[in-house]
Amino acid sequence: MHRFFIVSLALLWSAVAAYAADPTGSYTIDGTNPGGKGTYSGTVSVTKTGETYRVVWVVGGTRYIGTGIGDKNFLAVSYKSGSDTGLALYGADGGNWTGVWAYSGAQQLGAEAWKRE
């Protein structure tokens, strides 16, 4: 019985480590616009595409598409929607991610938190 418990614990730990080590997945998001000018919520999906990630946000009916680079600790994403472009940087927070973002040419940052679905 003791051996079963140890094996089960080891398998669970491996699954948790793998889960937290990869940003791919679907998330709900909550964010704050630059300068604290309002909040928003939506969804984001992250898909591995070779050495990069495809990141697609849907916020208030607007779709933002980005290309990310990173690993289990960070994710940097450049994104575009219409004529808007920007940059976001996220850090791992367990199985979730938190970060900051800005439109191109901006002087203030927005903030965003991703919660894994």
Protein backbone atom coordinates (compact mmCIF):
# COMPACT_ATOMS: atom_id res chain seq x y z
CA MET A 1 0.00 0.00 0.00
CA HIS A 2 2.86 2.34 0.89
CA ARG A 3 4.52 1.66 -2.47
CA PHE A 4 1.24 2.39 -4.33
CA PHE A 5 0.99 5.73 -2.53
CA ILE A 6 4.57 6.70 -3.47
CA VAL A 7 4.07 5.72 -7.12
CA SER A 8 0.76 7.61 -7.26
CA LEU A 9 2.36 10.68 -5.71
CA ALA A 10 5.26 10.55 -8.19
CA LEU A 11 2.86 10.32 -11.14
CA LEU A 12 0.80 13.22 -9.83
CA TRP A 13 3.91 15.35 -9.34
CA SER A 14 5.04 14.58 -12.93
CA ALA A 15 1.64 15.61 -14.29
CA VAL A 16 1.64 18.86 -12.29
CA ALA A 17 5.19 19.71 -13.40
CA ALA A 18 4.34 19.09 -17.06
CA TYR A 19 1.11 21.09 -16.76
CA ALA A 20 2.90 24.10 -15.28
CA ALA A 21 5.83 23.90 -17.71
CA ASP A 22 3.91 24.62 -20.90
CA PRO A 23 1.85 27.71 -21.75
CA THR A 24 -0.27 25.88 -24.35
CA GLY A 25 -3.95 25.73 -23.50
CA SER A 26 -7.10 27.79 -23.06
CA TYR A 27 -7.53 30.49 -20.46
CA THR A 28 -10.02 33.04 -19.20
CA ILE A 29 -8.46 36.48 -18.83
CA ASP A 30 -8.97 39.53 -16.69
CA GLY A 31 -7.09 42.71 -17.46
CA THR A 32 -6.64 46.38 -16.83
CA ASN A 33 -6.13 48.87 -19.66
CA PRO A 34 -3.04 51.12 -19.69
CA GLY A 35 -3.18 53.91 -17.14
CA GLY A 36 -5.87 52.04 -15.18
CA LYS A 37 -8.49 53.18 -17.72
CA GLY A 38 -11.00 50.39 -17.28
CA THR A 39 -10.97 46.64 -17.02
CA TYR A 40 -11.81 43.86 -19.44
CA SER A 41 -12.27 40.10 -19.60
CA GLY A 42 -12.21 37.49 -22.32
CA THR A 43 -10.42 34.36 -23.42
CA VAL A 44 -7.03 33.45 -24.83
CA SER A 45 -5.72 30.28 -26.45
CA VAL A 46 -2.07 29.35 -26.84
CA THR A 47 -0.95 26.78 -29.42
CA LYS A 48 2.61 25.52 -30.00
CA THR A 49 3.75 26.20 -33.59
CA GLY A 50 7.24 24.79 -33.93
CA GLU A 51 9.61 26.94 -31.88
CA THR A 52 6.96 29.66 -31.40
CA TYR A 53 3.43 29.93 -30.04
CA ARG A 54 0.26 31.22 -31.70
CA VAL A 55 -1.69 33.33 -29.20
CA VAL A 56 -5.31 34.33 -29.92
CA TRP A 57 -7.23 36.62 -27.57
CA VAL A 58 -10.95 37.39 -27.85
CA VAL A 59 -11.90 40.46 -25.83
CA GLY A 60 -15.22 42.25 -26.25
CA GLY A 61 -15.74 40.70 -29.67
CA THR A 62 -12.31 41.83 -30.92
CA ARG A 63 -9.76 39.22 -31.90
CA TYR A 64 -6.04 39.83 -31.34
CA ILE A 65 -3.55 37.43 -32.92
CA GLY A 66 0.01 37.14 -31.71
CA THR A 67 3.25 35.23 -32.06
CA GLY A 68 5.03 34.27 -28.87
CA ILE A 69 8.41 32.99 -27.81
CA GLY A 70 9.30 31.60 -24.42
CA ASP A 71 9.46 28.58 -22.18
CA LYS A 72 8.03 27.30 -18.89
CA ASN A 73 8.94 30.57 -17.12
CA PHE A 74 8.04 33.38 -19.51
CA LEU A 75 6.16 34.16 -22.71
CA ALA A 76 6.81 37.25 -24.85
CA VAL A 77 4.13 37.95 -27.47
CA SER A 78 3.90 40.47 -30.29
CA TYR A 79 0.31 40.94 -31.44
CA LYS A 80 -1.88 42.66 -34.01
CA SER A 81 -5.53 43.56 -34.43
CA GLY A 82 -6.48 45.82 -37.31
CA SER A 83 -3.91 48.61 -37.35
CA ASP A 84 -3.02 48.10 -33.65
CA THR A 85 0.21 46.30 -32.77
CA GLY A 86 1.75 45.66 -29.40
CA LEU A 87 3.93 43.62 -27.11
CA ALA A 88 3.06 41.54 -24.04
CA LEU A 89 5.27 39.78 -21.50
CA TYR A 90 3.95 37.07 -19.15
CA GLY A 91 5.46 35.10 -16.31
CA ALA A 92 4.38 31.66 -15.16
CA ASP A 93 2.22 31.60 -12.04
CA GLY A 94 1.72 27.88 -11.36
CA GLY A 95 -0.52 26.71 -14.21
CA ASN A 96 -1.62 30.31 -14.83
CA TRP A 97 0.18 33.36 -16.26
CA THR A 98 0.35 37.05 -15.33
CA GLY A 99 1.85 39.88 -17.29
CA VAL A 100 1.95 43.35 -18.74
CA TRP A 101 1.30 44.68 -22.24
CA ALA A 102 1.45 47.86 -24.30
CA TYR A 103 0.40 49.06 -27.72
CA SER A 104 3.20 50.15 -30.03
CA GLY A 105 4.30 53.68 -29.12
CA ALA A 106 2.49 53.64 -25.74
CA GLN A 107 3.90 55.19 -22.58
CA GLN A 108 1.80 53.21 -20.07
CA LEU A 109 1.29 49.50 -19.42
CA GLY A 110 -1.82 47.37 -19.13
CA ALA A 111 -1.91 44.26 -16.94
CA GLU A 112 -3.42 40.84 -17.58
CA ALA A 113 -3.94 37.56 -15.72
CA TRP A 114 -4.68 34.24 -17.44
CA LYS A 115 -6.51 31.51 -15.53
CA ARG A 116 -6.31 28.05 -17.08
CA GLU A 117 -9.69 26.59 -18.03
